[in-house]
Amino acid sequence: MNRNDAITQLRSRAKPWDIVVIGGGATGLGAAVDAASRGYEVVLLERNDFASGTSSRSTKLVHGGVRYLRQGNVSLVREALRERDRLRRNAPEIVHELACVVPSYSRWDSAQYWAGLKLYDLLAGSSGIRRSRHLSRHETLELLPEVQSQGLRGGTLYYDCQFDDARLAIALAQTAAQRGAVVINYFPVTGLLKTSSGALRGVQAFDCETDETFEIEARVVINATGPFSDAVRRLDDPAADSALTLSRGTHVVLDRSLLSGNTAMLVPRTSDGRVIFMIPWQGVVLVGTTDVLVNHAEFEPAPSDTEIEYLLETANQYLDRSATRSDIRSVFAGLRPLVRSNRSGRTARISREHSIIIDSESKLLSIVGGKWTTYRAMAEDLIDKAIVVGGLSRRNCVTAELPLHVSDSSRPGALSSSDSSLGYPVCDGVSLSETEVIRSCREEMARTVEDVLSRRYRLLFVDARKAAIAAPRVAEIMAAELGRNAHWIRKQVDAFAEIVQCSIPAT
């Protein structure tokens, strides 16, 4: 997957593409994989980096959604569990089983959680994931040594799956490219091209690296831009009504000593009626998430102090040792692009199902809603509709059993003799090697320091302070690889320092 090669393919194209996808998050990348694997000619354009928004800021769970059972949304849970198991089979290097315990402090709690999770098992069917079971007090403390022991009666153990969202996004981009799609980052769409009758015939886009403008013709245009879907729809029709309700989800990342085992904890009761997860992930503990209504989309949504305090206070109700701000390694937030609801109330109650909007005149296809776990099913639905809208020849979806391309991080990469010695860590106390930075540029389209330290490798999310220390060396390596100068290095280091500041709350 090479950006320069992708641009060359774009320049040499003499006829319209079958499909152009706007947006390189989970949904857009999933659509590109689906369409390319059916044999359609596809180009995907992302204005920043792949998964740079919501799709890299999830709770890192591939799951059915236990809390949706409480809401009575059995169909969503059943679909998500089916997709969970497909994803586990298709990307076993990224998606793996995770044990999770719901602690209980009364007999009623124990009975309630056991019944709900047995229904979860039933909906999962013969998935290969282990079944839930009741735990005694002793068994609960063995799996969760740091759980609040006072009043603890036992727990319920169940299993879901865990993944690295940004790495899965790169796997999707590489799979799409492997299947013939052209995928390009830092290539924003600036306008829509129309025929005299008002039908879409493609997009106008801009290469951020060369300042070159392209007109890209296609039979179908898909808007998969998540929180920015309304903005793209208004490129088509400035008077278009909003299709979105936006919700901010914040996570705090804590020192692993607060939850030292390999078992996650589900906090079943919170002050706002949600559930909170405390999850071991990459040597830290991920705590989240919130669900806060926001009025407009932002590129870098900032966690509020209120959300950080809420997560700490909620976690501390279930921990023997209270977490404080000094235990925080990083914080991050993402925006959920929920299907707009006429109901008032909390965004947590809005369905996580997806919706596809087809503009009656232009035939722009926009997809909103959904969740990471169901990205593949969403993409299948989307491309099925694109076939009809674009008058494309009918070809069946094959992604249910399609293995995803996953980079081998242990492989030294295609390095020349002059850089084959770059196997050292980029700084003390960090496992990321100089070789891996080079590979990110050559094989995974990393173009900025943030691309490497936030998404190709998750150091910013795991330990923001260490990421700041690593940034200057990463910038130097990338500059040599990409042909950048000293001014670029300074700008990259300064820009990343600002991002780090947003990732470390005041103590």
Protein backbone atom coordinates (compact mmCIF):
# COMPACT_ATOMS: atom_id res chain seq x y z
CA MET A 1 0.00 0.00 0.00
CA ASN A 2 1.93 2.97 -1.34
CA ARG A 3 0.56 6.50 -1.59
CA ASN A 4 2.61 7.57 -4.60
CA ASP A 5 1.49 4.50 -6.54
CA ALA A 6 -2.13 5.27 -5.64
CA ILE A 7 -1.82 8.84 -6.94
CA THR A 8 -0.29 7.54 -10.16
CA GLN A 9 -3.27 5.23 -10.67
CA LEU A 10 -5.60 8.14 -10.09
CA ARG A 11 -3.80 10.34 -12.63
CA SER A 12 -3.73 7.64 -15.31
CA ARG A 13 -7.42 6.79 -15.06
CA ALA A 14 -9.20 7.56 -18.33
CA LYS A 15 -12.72 6.34 -17.53
CA PRO A 16 -15.12 6.72 -14.58
CA TRP A 17 -14.71 4.53 -11.53
CA ASP A 18 -17.59 2.33 -10.47
CA ILE A 19 -17.61 3.75 -6.93
CA VAL A 20 -15.88 6.58 -5.09
CA VAL A 21 -15.99 6.37 -1.29
CA ILE A 22 -15.54 9.53 0.77
CA GLY A 23 -14.16 8.71 4.22
CA GLY A 24 -11.46 6.35 5.47
CA GLY A 25 -12.87 5.22 8.78
CA ALA A 26 -14.34 1.80 9.60
CA THR A 27 -17.42 2.22 7.40
CA GLY A 28 -15.68 3.69 4.37
CA LEU A 29 -12.83 1.19 4.48
CA GLY A 30 -15.30 -1.65 4.93
CA ALA A 31 -17.22 -0.43 1.88
CA ALA A 32 -14.01 -0.28 -0.18
CA VAL A 33 -13.11 -3.85 0.81
CA ASP A 34 -16.61 -5.10 0.01
CA ALA A 35 -16.80 -3.37 -3.38
CA ALA A 36 -13.27 -4.27 -4.47
CA SER A 37 -13.69 -7.90 -3.42
CA ARG A 38 -16.81 -8.10 -5.62
CA GLY A 39 -14.72 -6.89 -8.54
CA TYR A 40 -15.88 -3.27 -8.76
CA GLU A 41 -13.40 -0.47 -9.51
CA VAL A 42 -13.18 1.63 -6.38
CA VAL A 43 -11.33 4.68 -5.12
CA LEU A 44 -11.45 5.77 -1.46
CA LEU A 45 -10.47 9.29 -0.39
CA GLU A 46 -9.73 10.30 3.20
CA ARG A 47 -9.05 13.93 4.09
CA ASN A 48 -6.76 13.11 7.03
CA ASP A 49 -5.33 9.74 8.00
CA PHE A 50 -7.20 6.45 7.94
CA ALA A 51 -9.26 6.05 11.12
CA SER A 52 -8.00 9.39 12.42
CA GLY A 53 -11.40 10.23 13.90
CA THR A 54 -13.97 8.10 15.68
CA SER A 55 -12.67 4.81 14.29
CA SER A 56 -9.43 4.91 16.32
CA ARG A 57 -11.08 6.06 19.56
CA SER A 58 -13.36 3.17 20.49
CA THR A 59 -13.40 1.04 23.65
CA LYS A 60 -11.42 -1.61 21.68
CA LEU A 61 -14.21 -4.17 21.99
CA VAL A 62 -15.74 -6.32 19.27
CA HIS A 63 -18.95 -7.22 21.03
CA GLY A 64 -22.68 -7.70 20.86
CA GLY A 65 -23.38 -4.96 23.36
CA VAL A 66 -24.58 -6.29 26.71
CA ARG A 67 -26.35 -3.04 27.54
CA TYR A 68 -28.47 -3.23 24.38
CA LEU A 69 -30.20 -6.27 25.89
CA ARG A 70 -31.39 -4.02 28.72
CA GLN A 71 -32.85 -1.71 26.05
CA GLY A 72 -34.61 -4.66 24.41
CA ASN A 73 -32.69 -4.34 21.13
CA VAL A 74 -32.27 -8.07 20.60
CA SER A 75 -31.90 -7.83 16.81
CA LEU A 76 -28.91 -5.49 17.09
CA VAL A 77 -27.24 -7.76 19.65
CA ARG A 78 -27.82 -10.85 17.51
CA GLU A 79 -26.36 -9.17 14.40
CA ALA A 80 -23.37 -7.80 16.31
CA LEU A 81 -22.60 -11.21 17.83
CA ARG A 82 -22.72 -12.81 14.40
CA GLU A 83 -20.35 -10.15 13.05
CA ARG A 84 -18.09 -10.49 16.10
CA ASP A 85 -17.48 -14.10 15.24
CA ARG A 86 -16.88 -13.44 11.56
CA LEU A 87 -14.33 -10.78 12.42
CA ARG A 88 -12.60 -13.09 14.88
CA ARG A 89 -12.22 -15.68 12.12
CA ASN A 90 -11.17 -13.20 9.43
CA ALA A 91 -8.62 -11.24 11.50
CA PRO A 92 -7.41 -13.55 14.30
CA GLU A 93 -4.12 -11.64 14.60
CA ILE A 94 -6.03 -8.50 15.64
CA VAL A 95 -9.25 -9.79 17.24
CA HIS A 96 -9.06 -12.15 20.21
CA GLU A 97 -11.25 -13.46 23.00
CA LEU A 98 -11.45 -11.40 26.21
CA ALA A 99 -12.72 -12.56 29.59
CA CYS A 100 -14.93 -10.06 31.41
CA VAL A 101 -16.41 -10.15 34.91
CA VAL A 102 -19.48 -8.35 36.22
CA PRO A 103 -19.04 -8.13 40.01
CA SER A 104 -22.16 -8.46 42.15
CA TYR A 105 -22.86 -7.16 45.63
CA SER A 106 -26.28 -8.74 46.22
CA ARG A 107 -28.04 -12.00 45.40
CA TRP A 108 -30.47 -10.12 43.16
CA ASP A 109 -27.53 -8.69 41.19
CA SER A 110 -26.05 -12.15 40.73
CA ALA A 111 -29.32 -13.61 39.46
CA GLN A 112 -29.99 -10.66 37.15
CA TYR A 113 -26.53 -10.66 35.57
CA TRP A 114 -26.48 -14.44 35.18
CA ALA A 115 -29.86 -14.44 33.39
CA GLY A 116 -28.91 -11.57 31.07
CA LEU A 117 -25.60 -13.13 30.10
CA LYS A 118 -27.17 -16.54 29.50
CA LEU A 119 -29.43 -14.79 26.97
CA TYR A 120 -26.28 -13.25 25.49
CA ASP A 121 -24.84 -16.77 25.13
CA LEU A 122 -28.06 -17.97 23.51
CA LEU A 123 -28.01 -15.17 20.94
CA ALA A 124 -24.35 -15.90 20.16
CA GLY A 125 -25.20 -19.47 19.14
CA SER A 126 -22.36 -21.88 18.37
CA SER A 127 -19.72 -19.18 18.01
CA GLY A 128 -16.70 -20.86 19.54
CA ILE A 129 -16.58 -18.19 22.25
CA ARG A 130 -16.70 -19.63 25.76
CA ARG A 131 -19.96 -19.47 27.69
CA SER A 132 -20.72 -17.35 30.74
CA ARG A 133 -20.81 -18.78 34.26
CA HIS A 134 -21.39 -17.71 37.84
CA LEU A 135 -18.35 -17.01 40.04
CA SER A 136 -18.00 -17.34 43.76
CA ARG A 137 -16.54 -14.50 45.78
CA HIS A 138 -13.17 -16.28 45.87
CA GLU A 139 -13.17 -16.89 42.10
CA THR A 140 -14.07 -13.26 41.44
CA LEU A 141 -11.15 -12.03 43.56
CA GLU A 142 -8.79 -14.42 41.77
CA LEU A 143 -9.70 -12.91 38.39
CA LEU A 144 -10.04 -9.32 39.67
CA PRO A 145 -7.64 -8.94 42.63
CA GLU A 146 -8.15 -5.16 42.71
CA VAL A 147 -11.97 -5.24 42.77
CA GLN A 148 -13.74 -3.62 45.73
CA SER A 149 -13.94 -6.56 48.13
CA GLN A 150 -16.20 -5.04 50.77
CA GLY A 151 -19.68 -6.51 50.32
CA LEU A 152 -18.64 -8.55 47.28
CA ARG A 153 -20.77 -11.68 46.88
CA GLY A 154 -19.45 -13.02 43.59
CA GLY A 155 -19.60 -12.25 39.91
CA THR A 156 -20.56 -13.43 36.45
CA LEU A 157 -17.85 -14.32 33.94
CA TYR A 158 -18.57 -13.91 30.24
CA TYR A 159 -16.53 -13.61 27.06
CA ASP A 160 -16.40 -11.09 24.24
CA CYS A 161 -13.60 -10.00 21.92
CA GLN A 162 -10.98 -7.26 22.00
CA PHE A 163 -9.09 -5.60 19.17
CA ASP A 164 -6.92 -2.66 18.15
CA ASP A 165 -9.25 -0.43 16.15
CA ALA A 166 -6.61 1.58 14.28
CA ARG A 167 -4.66 -1.56 13.33
CA LEU A 168 -7.84 -3.15 12.02
CA ALA A 169 -8.47 -0.03 9.93
CA ILE A 170 -5.01 -0.36 8.35
CA ALA A 171 -5.72 -4.05 7.71
CA LEU A 172 -8.91 -3.03 5.88
CA ALA A 173 -7.06 -0.42 3.83
CA GLN A 174 -4.41 -2.96 2.87
CA THR A 175 -7.04 -5.58 2.03
CA ALA A 176 -8.91 -3.11 -0.18
CA ALA A 177 -5.68 -2.17 -1.98
CA GLN A 178 -4.76 -5.84 -2.35
CA ARG A 179 -8.15 -6.42 -4.01
CA GLY A 180 -7.57 -3.59 -6.49
CA ALA A 181 -9.04 -0.53 -4.77
CA VAL A 182 -7.16 2.77 -4.75
CA VAL A 183 -7.07 4.16 -1.20
CA ILE A 184 -5.48 7.54 -0.45
CA ASN A 185 -5.15 9.57 2.75
CA TYR A 186 -4.69 13.33 3.06
CA PHE A 187 -6.89 13.77 0.02
CA PRO A 188 -10.02 15.78 1.00
CA VAL A 189 -13.08 15.99 -1.21
CA THR A 190 -13.85 19.67 -1.82
CA GLY A 191 -16.88 19.44 -4.10
CA LEU A 192 -19.31 17.18 -5.92
CA LEU A 193 -19.54 16.95 -9.72
CA LYS A 194 -22.98 16.82 -11.29
CA THR A 195 -24.55 16.35 -14.68
CA SER A 196 -26.89 18.97 -16.17
CA SER A 197 -29.82 17.02 -14.70
CA GLY A 198 -28.41 17.21 -11.16
CA ALA A 199 -27.21 13.62 -10.88
CA LEU A 200 -23.81 13.02 -9.33
CA ARG A 201 -21.01 12.08 -11.70
CA GLY A 202 -18.08 12.22 -9.28
CA VAL A 203 -16.11 14.40 -6.89
CA GLN A 204 -13.54 17.15 -6.87
CA ALA A 205 -10.66 16.42 -4.52
CA PHE A 206 -7.36 17.91 -3.42
CA ASP A 207 -3.99 16.30 -2.70
CA CYS A 208 -2.65 17.93 0.46
CA GLU A 209 0.94 16.98 -0.38
CA THR A 210 1.15 18.31 -3.96
CA ASP A 211 -1.62 20.97 -3.89
CA GLU A 212 -3.01 19.28 -7.01
CA THR A 213 -6.76 19.27 -7.69
CA PHE A 214 -8.42 16.22 -9.25
CA GLU A 215 -11.81 15.63 -10.83
CA ILE A 216 -12.69 11.99 -10.20
CA GLU A 217 -15.68 10.61 -12.07
CA ALA A 218 -17.67 7.68 -10.74
CA ARG A 219 -21.03 6.00 -11.25
CA VAL A 220 -21.77 6.05 -7.52
CA VAL A 221 -20.61 8.41 -4.75
CA ILE A 222 -20.69 7.11 -1.16
CA ASN A 223 -20.53 9.46 1.82
CA ALA A 224 -19.04 7.52 4.73
CA THR A 225 -17.62 10.42 6.72
CA GLY A 226 -19.17 9.62 10.10
CA PRO A 227 -19.60 12.78 12.21
CA PHE A 228 -19.06 14.91 9.09
CA SER A 229 -21.75 13.22 6.98
CA ASP A 230 -24.06 16.23 7.17
CA ALA A 231 -21.27 18.51 5.86
CA VAL A 232 -20.82 16.32 2.77
CA ARG A 233 -24.58 16.09 2.26
CA ARG A 234 -24.67 19.89 2.26
CA LEU A 235 -22.06 19.98 -0.50
CA ASP A 236 -24.81 18.26 -2.47
CA ASP A 237 -27.75 20.25 -1.06
CA PRO A 238 -27.04 23.27 1.18
CA ALA A 239 -30.59 22.99 2.59
CA ALA A 240 -30.32 19.32 3.58
CA ASP A 241 -31.72 18.52 7.03
CA SER A 242 -29.38 17.04 9.59
CA ALA A 243 -29.32 13.24 9.67
CA LEU A 244 -27.08 13.04 12.74
CA THR A 245 -27.08 13.25 16.47
CA LEU A 246 -23.52 13.53 17.75
CA SER A 247 -22.37 12.01 21.01
CA ARG A 248 -18.91 12.30 22.57
CA GLY A 249 -17.40 9.21 24.14
CA THR A 250 -14.40 9.82 26.42
CA HIS A 251 -11.91 7.27 27.78
CA VAL A 252 -9.21 7.54 30.42
CA VAL A 253 -6.14 5.32 30.31
CA LEU A 254 -4.82 4.29 33.73
CA ASP A 255 -1.74 2.59 35.09
CA ARG A 256 -2.00 -1.21 34.89
CA SER A 257 -1.51 -1.60 38.65
CA LEU A 258 -5.16 -0.62 39.11
CA LEU A 259 -6.32 -3.78 37.27
CA SER A 260 -3.33 -6.09 37.05
CA GLY A 261 -4.86 -9.23 35.59
CA ASN A 262 -5.93 -10.10 32.06
CA THR A 263 -9.65 -9.94 32.84
CA ALA A 264 -11.84 -6.94 32.06
CA MET A 265 -14.50 -5.61 34.41
CA LEU A 266 -17.94 -4.40 33.44
CA VAL A 267 -19.40 -1.83 35.83
CA PRO A 268 -23.13 -2.51 35.58
CA ARG A 269 -24.49 0.58 37.32
CA THR A 270 -23.54 4.21 36.77
CA SER A 271 -25.13 7.52 37.68
CA ASP A 272 -26.40 8.05 34.12
CA GLY A 273 -27.69 4.53 33.49
CA ARG A 274 -24.81 3.38 31.28
CA VAL A 275 -22.33 0.59 31.76
CA ILE A 276 -18.60 1.30 32.06
CA PHE A 277 -15.78 -1.02 31.04
CA MET A 278 -12.37 -1.32 32.68
CA ILE A 279 -10.23 -3.22 30.21
CA PRO A 280 -6.60 -4.39 30.21
CA TRP A 281 -5.12 -3.29 26.88
CA GLN A 282 -1.51 -2.98 25.73
CA GLY A 283 -0.10 -2.79 29.25
CA VAL A 284 -2.58 -0.22 30.57
CA VAL A 285 -6.20 -0.09 31.75
CA LEU A 286 -8.77 1.50 29.46
CA VAL A 287 -11.80 2.99 31.26
CA GLY A 288 -14.81 4.17 29.29
CA THR A 289 -16.96 5.45 28.00
CA THR A 290 -19.15 8.52 28.39
CA ASP A 291 -22.10 9.52 26.22
CA VAL A 292 -22.41 13.31 26.00
CA LEU A 293 -24.55 15.15 23.44
CA VAL A 294 -22.54 17.65 21.35
CA ASN A 295 -23.84 20.23 18.92
CA HIS A 296 -21.22 20.18 16.17
CA ALA A 297 -18.49 17.94 14.77
CA GLU A 298 -14.88 18.62 15.70
CA PHE A 299 -11.68 17.11 14.28
CA GLU A 300 -10.19 16.77 17.76
CA PRO A 301 -12.98 16.44 20.35
CA ALA A 302 -11.58 17.22 23.77
CA PRO A 303 -12.58 15.25 26.89
CA SER A 304 -14.11 17.51 29.52
CA ASP A 305 -12.99 17.60 33.14
CA THR A 306 -16.51 16.52 34.11
CA GLU A 307 -16.21 13.36 32.00
CA ILE A 308 -12.77 12.53 33.38
CA GLU A 309 -14.01 12.91 36.95
CA TYR A 310 -17.12 10.85 36.17
CA LEU A 311 -15.01 7.96 34.83
CA LEU A 312 -12.61 8.06 37.78
CA GLU A 313 -15.41 8.26 40.36
CA THR A 314 -17.34 5.42 38.71
CA ALA A 315 -14.24 3.20 38.49
CA ASN A 316 -13.35 3.93 42.11
CA GLN A 317 -16.68 2.57 43.33
CA TYR A 318 -15.47 -0.84 42.15
CA LEU A 319 -11.74 -0.66 42.97
CA ASP A 320 -10.00 -1.30 46.28
CA ARG A 321 -7.44 1.42 45.56
CA SER A 322 -8.86 4.68 44.27
CA ALA A 323 -7.51 5.95 40.97
CA THR A 324 -6.45 9.60 40.86
CA ARG A 325 -5.41 11.91 38.07
CA SER A 326 -1.78 10.99 38.72
CA ASP A 327 -2.62 7.46 37.53
CA ILE A 328 -3.79 8.74 34.13
CA ARG A 329 -1.45 7.90 31.25
CA SER A 330 -3.64 9.44 28.55
CA VAL A 331 -7.19 10.52 27.72
CA PHE A 332 -9.01 10.50 24.39
CA ALA A 333 -12.46 11.14 22.97
CA GLY A 334 -14.37 10.32 19.81
CA LEU A 335 -17.67 11.39 18.30
CA ARG A 336 -20.41 8.85 17.62
CA PRO A 337 -22.41 9.66 14.46
CA LEU A 338 -25.80 8.41 15.65
CA VAL A 339 -28.92 8.28 13.52
CA ARG A 340 -30.90 11.40 14.34
CA SER A 341 -33.79 10.71 16.66
CA ASN A 342 -36.89 12.79 17.32
CA ARG A 343 -36.93 11.51 20.87
CA SER A 344 -35.59 13.76 23.57
CA GLY A 345 -33.36 12.42 26.31
CA ARG A 346 -29.91 10.91 26.65
CA THR A 347 -27.92 9.92 23.58
CA ALA A 348 -27.21 6.58 25.28
CA ARG A 349 -30.79 5.63 24.40
CA ILE A 350 -30.40 6.31 20.69
CA SER A 351 -30.12 3.16 18.57
CA ARG A 352 -26.67 2.11 17.36
CA GLU A 353 -28.18 0.68 14.19
CA HIS A 354 -27.20 2.27 10.88
CA SER A 355 -29.22 4.11 8.28
CA ILE A 356 -28.53 4.70 4.57
CA ILE A 357 -29.83 7.91 3.03
CA ILE A 358 -30.21 8.16 -0.76
CA ASP A 359 -30.75 11.66 -2.08
CA SER A 360 -33.70 11.55 -4.48
CA GLU A 361 -32.14 13.84 -7.10
CA SER A 362 -28.37 13.43 -6.97
CA LYS A 363 -28.37 9.79 -5.74
CA LEU A 364 -25.66 10.53 -3.18
CA LEU A 365 -25.51 7.59 -0.75
CA SER A 366 -24.82 8.58 2.87
CA ILE A 367 -24.48 6.12 5.73
CA VAL A 368 -24.82 7.12 9.39
CA GLY A 369 -24.95 5.26 12.68
CA GLY A 370 -23.60 1.80 13.31
CA LYS A 371 -20.63 0.56 15.32
CA TRP A 372 -17.22 -1.01 14.68
CA THR A 373 -18.45 -4.55 15.31
CA THR A 374 -21.02 -4.37 12.52
CA TYR A 375 -18.88 -2.50 9.97
CA ARG A 376 -18.86 -5.47 7.57
CA ALA A 377 -22.65 -5.91 7.55
CA MET A 378 -23.04 -2.15 7.09
CA ALA A 379 -20.69 -2.24 4.12
CA GLU A 380 -22.58 -5.14 2.55
CA ASP A 381 -25.87 -3.24 2.86
CA LEU A 382 -24.25 -0.10 1.47
CA ILE A 383 -22.71 -1.75 -1.60
CA ASP A 384 -25.94 -3.65 -2.31
CA LYS A 385 -27.67 -0.27 -2.55
CA ALA A 386 -24.80 1.26 -4.54
CA ILE A 387 -25.25 -1.46 -7.17
CA VAL A 388 -28.86 -0.42 -7.67
CA VAL A 389 -28.19 3.33 -7.63
CA GLY A 390 -25.28 3.09 -10.06
CA GLY A 391 -26.80 0.49 -12.34
CA LEU A 392 -23.80 -1.78 -11.73
CA SER A 393 -23.80 -5.44 -12.69
CA ARG A 394 -24.97 -7.55 -9.76
CA ARG A 395 -22.21 -9.38 -7.87
CA ASN A 396 -22.63 -11.10 -4.51
CA CYS A 397 -20.86 -10.06 -1.32
CA VAL A 398 -17.94 -12.31 -0.31
CA THR A 399 -16.63 -10.57 2.83
CA ALA A 400 -18.31 -12.84 5.40
CA GLU A 401 -15.50 -15.35 4.88
CA LEU A 402 -12.78 -13.02 3.54
CA PRO A 403 -9.52 -13.05 5.55
CA LEU A 404 -8.11 -9.57 6.12
CA HIS A 405 -4.55 -8.65 5.23
CA VAL A 406 -2.58 -8.06 8.43
CA SER A 407 0.99 -6.74 8.43
CA ASP A 408 3.58 -8.88 10.18
CA SER A 409 5.01 -6.44 12.71
CA SER A 410 7.91 -8.81 13.42
CA ARG A 411 9.09 -8.68 9.80
CA PRO A 412 12.02 -6.29 9.21
CA GLY A 413 10.45 -4.90 6.06
CA ALA A 414 12.01 -4.14 2.70
CA LEU A 415 14.98 -2.17 4.01
CA SER A 416 18.13 -1.35 2.11
CA SER A 417 21.64 -1.97 3.42
CA SER A 418 21.90 1.69 4.39
CA ASP A 419 18.98 1.55 6.81
CA SER A 420 18.97 -2.10 7.85
CA SER A 421 20.70 -1.17 11.12
CA LEU A 422 17.73 0.91 12.29
CA GLY A 423 16.40 -1.74 14.63
CA TYR A 424 16.85 0.28 17.83
CA PRO A 425 13.96 1.70 19.87
CA VAL A 426 13.10 5.30 19.03
CA CYS A 427 13.71 6.21 22.68
CA ASP A 428 14.36 4.56 26.04
CA GLY A 429 11.44 2.68 27.54
CA VAL A 430 9.54 2.37 24.25
CA SER A 431 9.31 -0.82 22.19
CA LEU A 432 8.68 1.00 18.89
CA SER A 433 11.74 0.56 16.68
CA GLU A 434 13.17 2.80 14.02
CA THR A 435 12.58 0.00 11.50
CA GLU A 436 8.87 -0.02 12.34
CA VAL A 437 8.63 3.71 11.69
CA ILE A 438 10.13 3.18 8.23
CA ARG A 439 7.73 0.32 7.52
CA SER A 440 4.79 2.52 8.53
CA CYS A 441 5.80 5.02 5.86
CA ARG A 442 6.59 2.51 3.12
CA GLU A 443 3.76 0.02 3.57
CA GLU A 444 1.02 1.76 5.56
CA MET A 445 0.91 5.33 4.20
CA ALA A 446 1.98 7.00 7.45
CA ARG A 447 2.66 10.65 6.57
CA THR A 448 2.92 12.42 9.94
CA VAL A 449 4.34 11.80 13.40
CA GLU A 450 0.79 11.53 14.71
CA ASP A 451 0.02 8.80 12.16
CA VAL A 452 2.84 6.69 13.58
CA LEU A 453 2.51 7.40 17.30
CA SER A 454 -1.29 7.51 17.45
CA ARG A 455 -2.47 4.88 14.97
CA ARG A 456 0.23 2.67 13.42
CA TYR A 457 1.52 2.24 16.98
CA ARG A 458 -0.65 3.30 19.91
CA LEU A 459 1.91 5.04 22.09
CA LEU A 460 -0.08 8.30 22.37
CA PHE A 461 -3.08 6.37 23.68
CA VAL A 462 -1.00 4.19 26.02
CA ASP A 463 1.39 6.79 27.44
CA ALA A 464 1.16 10.33 26.10
CA ARG A 465 4.27 11.54 27.94
CA LYS A 466 6.45 8.83 26.40
CA ALA A 467 4.95 9.61 23.01
CA ALA A 468 6.14 13.22 23.39
CA ILE A 469 9.67 12.00 24.13
CA ALA A 470 9.61 9.70 21.08
CA ALA A 471 8.28 12.34 18.65
CA PRO A 472 11.56 14.11 17.66
CA ARG A 473 13.32 10.87 16.67
CA VAL A 474 10.23 9.61 14.82
CA ALA A 475 10.09 12.91 12.91
CA GLU A 476 13.77 12.57 11.92
CA ILE A 477 13.29 9.04 10.62
CA MET A 478 10.15 10.00 8.70
CA ALA A 479 11.82 13.06 7.18
CA ALA A 480 14.63 10.91 5.80
CA GLU A 481 12.15 8.38 4.45
CA LEU A 482 9.68 10.87 2.93
CA GLY A 483 12.18 13.44 1.72
CA ARG A 484 11.21 16.19 4.15
CA ASN A 485 13.41 18.99 5.51
CA ALA A 486 14.32 20.36 8.93
CA HIS A 487 11.41 22.83 8.83
CA TRP A 488 8.99 19.89 8.40
CA ILE A 489 10.57 18.13 11.38
CA ARG A 490 10.09 21.19 13.63
CA LYS A 491 6.48 21.64 12.52
CA GLN A 492 5.70 17.97 13.12
CA VAL A 493 7.22 17.95 16.60
CA ASP A 494 5.39 21.16 17.55
CA ALA A 495 2.06 19.89 16.17
CA PHE A 496 2.41 16.61 18.04
CA ALA A 497 3.27 18.44 21.26
CA GLU A 498 -0.10 20.20 21.06
CA ILE A 499 -1.86 16.87 20.63
CA VAL A 500 -0.03 15.48 23.66
CA GLN A 501 -1.18 18.42 25.77
CA CYS A 502 -4.79 17.53 24.98
CA SER A 503 -4.09 13.93 25.99
CA ILE A 504 -2.78 14.71 29.48
CA PRO A 505 -5.33 16.25 31.87
CA ALA A 506 -4.23 18.66 34.55
CA THR A 507 -3.56 16.98 37.90
